[in-house]
Amino acid sequence: MAHDVIIAVDEKGEFQLPDAVMARRGWKCGSRLIAELVPGGLVLKDAPPEDESKCGLT
């Protein structure tokens, strides 16, 4: 996506990413992301998969 997309933040501080962004990144409901604060904004990145051993599963 080579152009800026303006999205609104709701009263809960939540926002919805456009379907085109979600599809391009392969994100879906439940995808884990890293929110990185950078000068002038915020960058969303794929989070590493959860380590199942940390969840009590072995």
N, C-alpha and C. Protein backbone atom coordinates (compact mmCIF):
# COMPACT_ATOMS: atom_id res chain seq x y z
N MET A 1 0.87 -1.17 0.00
CA MET A 1 0.00 0.00 0.00
C MET A 1 0.91 1.22 0.00
N ALA A 2 0.91 1.95 -1.06
CA ALA A 2 1.83 3.06 -1.23
C ALA A 2 1.24 4.40 -0.80
N HIS A 3 0.03 4.41 -0.31
CA HIS A 3 -0.58 5.68 0.08
C HIS A 3 -1.02 5.63 1.53
N ASP A 4 -1.16 6.80 2.11
CA ASP A 4 -1.60 6.89 3.49
C ASP A 4 -3.08 6.57 3.60
N VAL A 5 -3.46 5.97 4.70
CA VAL A 5 -4.86 5.68 5.00
C VAL A 5 -5.16 6.33 6.34
N ILE A 6 -6.22 7.11 6.40
CA ILE A 6 -6.62 7.74 7.65
C ILE A 6 -7.68 6.87 8.30
N ILE A 7 -7.44 6.53 9.57
CA ILE A 7 -8.41 5.75 10.33
C ILE A 7 -8.73 6.49 11.62
N ALA A 8 -9.91 6.25 12.14
CA ALA A 8 -10.36 6.93 13.36
C ALA A 8 -10.18 6.02 14.58
N VAL A 9 -9.85 6.65 15.70
CA VAL A 9 -9.76 5.96 16.98
C VAL A 9 -11.08 6.21 17.71
N ASP A 10 -11.70 5.14 18.22
CA ASP A 10 -12.99 5.30 18.90
C ASP A 10 -12.80 5.69 20.37
N GLU A 11 -13.92 5.82 21.07
CA GLU A 11 -13.88 6.27 22.47
C GLU A 11 -13.15 5.30 23.40
N LYS A 12 -12.99 4.04 22.98
CA LYS A 12 -12.25 3.06 23.78
C LYS A 12 -10.75 3.06 23.44
N GLY A 13 -10.35 3.88 22.49
CA GLY A 13 -8.96 3.91 22.07
C GLY A 13 -8.64 2.83 21.05
N GLU A 14 -9.66 2.26 20.44
CA GLU A 14 -9.49 1.19 19.47
C GLU A 14 -9.66 1.72 18.05
N PHE A 15 -9.06 1.02 17.10
CA PHE A 15 -9.25 1.36 15.70
C PHE A 15 -9.28 0.08 14.88
N GLN A 16 -9.83 0.18 13.69
CA GLN A 16 -9.94 -0.97 12.80
C GLN A 16 -9.06 -0.72 11.58
N LEU A 17 -8.18 -1.68 11.30
CA LEU A 17 -7.35 -1.57 10.11
C LEU A 17 -8.18 -1.93 8.88
N PRO A 18 -7.94 -1.25 7.78
CA PRO A 18 -8.68 -1.56 6.55
C PRO A 18 -8.43 -3.01 6.11
N ASP A 19 -9.44 -3.61 5.48
CA ASP A 19 -9.33 -5.00 5.00
C ASP A 19 -8.12 -5.19 4.09
N ALA A 20 -7.83 -4.19 3.25
CA ALA A 20 -6.70 -4.32 2.32
C ALA A 20 -5.37 -4.44 3.07
N VAL A 21 -5.23 -3.69 4.17
CA VAL A 21 -4.01 -3.77 4.98
C VAL A 21 -3.94 -5.14 5.65
N MET A 22 -5.04 -5.57 6.23
CA MET A 22 -5.08 -6.88 6.89
C MET A 22 -4.71 -8.00 5.92
N ALA A 23 -5.30 -7.96 4.74
CA ALA A 23 -5.05 -9.01 3.74
C ALA A 23 -3.60 -9.00 3.27
N ARG A 24 -3.08 -7.82 3.01
CA ARG A 24 -1.70 -7.72 2.51
C ARG A 24 -0.70 -8.26 3.52
N ARG A 25 -0.94 -8.03 4.80
CA ARG A 25 -0.04 -8.51 5.85
C ARG A 25 -0.35 -9.94 6.29
N GLY A 26 -1.49 -10.47 5.86
CA GLY A 26 -1.88 -11.82 6.28
C GLY A 26 -2.40 -11.85 7.70
N TRP A 27 -2.84 -10.70 8.21
CA TRP A 27 -3.38 -10.61 9.56
C TRP A 27 -4.86 -10.95 9.54
N LYS A 28 -5.32 -11.56 10.62
CA LYS A 28 -6.74 -11.86 10.77
C LYS A 28 -7.11 -11.62 12.23
N CYS A 29 -8.36 -11.77 12.56
CA CYS A 29 -8.80 -11.61 13.93
C CYS A 29 -7.95 -12.52 14.83
N GLY A 30 -7.39 -11.97 15.87
CA GLY A 30 -6.56 -12.74 16.78
C GLY A 30 -5.07 -12.68 16.47
N SER A 31 -4.69 -12.09 15.33
CA SER A 31 -3.26 -11.95 15.03
C SER A 31 -2.61 -11.11 16.11
N ARG A 32 -1.38 -11.49 16.48
CA ARG A 32 -0.63 -10.75 17.50
C ARG A 32 0.33 -9.80 16.79
N LEU A 33 0.33 -8.55 17.26
CA LEU A 33 1.17 -7.52 16.64
C LEU A 33 2.03 -6.84 17.70
N ILE A 34 3.14 -6.30 17.26
CA ILE A 34 3.97 -5.45 18.09
C ILE A 34 3.68 -4.01 17.65
N ALA A 35 3.38 -3.15 18.62
CA ALA A 35 3.18 -1.72 18.35
C ALA A 35 4.46 -1.01 18.78
N GLU A 36 5.18 -0.47 17.83
CA GLU A 36 6.45 0.20 18.10
C GLU A 36 6.29 1.71 17.91
N LEU A 37 6.55 2.45 18.97
CA LEU A 37 6.51 3.91 18.87
C LEU A 37 7.80 4.37 18.20
N VAL A 38 7.65 5.17 17.16
CA VAL A 38 8.78 5.72 16.42
C VAL A 38 8.58 7.23 16.32
N PRO A 39 9.66 7.97 16.05
CA PRO A 39 9.47 9.41 15.90
C PRO A 39 8.40 9.71 14.84
N GLY A 40 7.38 10.41 15.24
CA GLY A 40 6.33 10.80 14.31
C GLY A 40 5.20 9.80 14.16
N GLY A 41 5.23 8.69 14.89
CA GLY A 41 4.12 7.76 14.71
C GLY A 41 4.26 6.42 15.40
N LEU A 42 3.62 5.46 14.79
CA LEU A 42 3.50 4.11 15.33
C LEU A 42 3.69 3.12 14.19
N VAL A 43 4.45 2.07 14.45
CA VAL A 43 4.65 1.02 13.45
C VAL A 43 4.08 -0.28 14.02
N LEU A 44 3.27 -0.98 13.23
CA LEU A 44 2.75 -2.29 13.62
C LEU A 44 3.53 -3.37 12.89
N LYS A 45 3.98 -4.37 13.65
CA LYS A 45 4.77 -5.47 13.08
C LYS A 45 4.20 -6.79 13.55
N ASP A 46 4.49 -7.85 12.79
CA ASP A 46 4.11 -9.20 13.22
C ASP A 46 4.83 -9.53 14.52
N ALA A 47 4.11 -10.08 15.48
CA ALA A 47 4.72 -10.56 16.72
C ALA A 47 5.18 -12.00 16.52
N PRO A 48 6.25 -12.39 17.21
CA PRO A 48 6.66 -13.79 17.10
C PRO A 48 5.57 -14.70 17.67
N PRO A 49 5.52 -15.93 17.21
CA PRO A 49 4.52 -16.86 17.74
C PRO A 49 4.71 -17.03 19.25
N GLU A 50 3.61 -17.24 19.94
CA GLU A 50 3.70 -17.47 21.38
C GLU A 50 4.41 -18.77 21.65
N ASP A 51 5.19 -18.78 22.69
CA ASP A 51 5.86 -20.00 23.13
C ASP A 51 4.86 -20.78 23.97
N GLU A 52 4.38 -21.89 23.45
CA GLU A 52 3.33 -22.65 24.12
C GLU A 52 3.77 -23.12 25.50
N SER A 53 5.08 -23.34 25.69
CA SER A 53 5.54 -23.80 27.01
C SER A 53 5.31 -22.74 28.07
N LYS A 54 5.24 -21.45 27.68
CA LYS A 54 4.99 -20.38 28.62
C LYS A 54 3.52 -20.32 28.99
N CYS A 55 2.67 -20.97 28.24
CA CYS A 55 1.23 -20.95 28.50
C CYS A 55 0.80 -22.14 29.35
N GLY A 56 1.74 -22.89 29.88
CA GLY A 56 1.40 -24.05 30.67
C GLY A 56 1.16 -25.30 29.85
N LEU A 57 1.38 -25.23 28.54
CA LEU A 57 1.21 -26.39 27.68
C LEU A 57 2.59 -27.00 27.43
N THR A 58 2.66 -28.28 27.46
CA THR A 58 3.95 -28.95 27.18
C THR A 58 3.79 -29.99 26.14
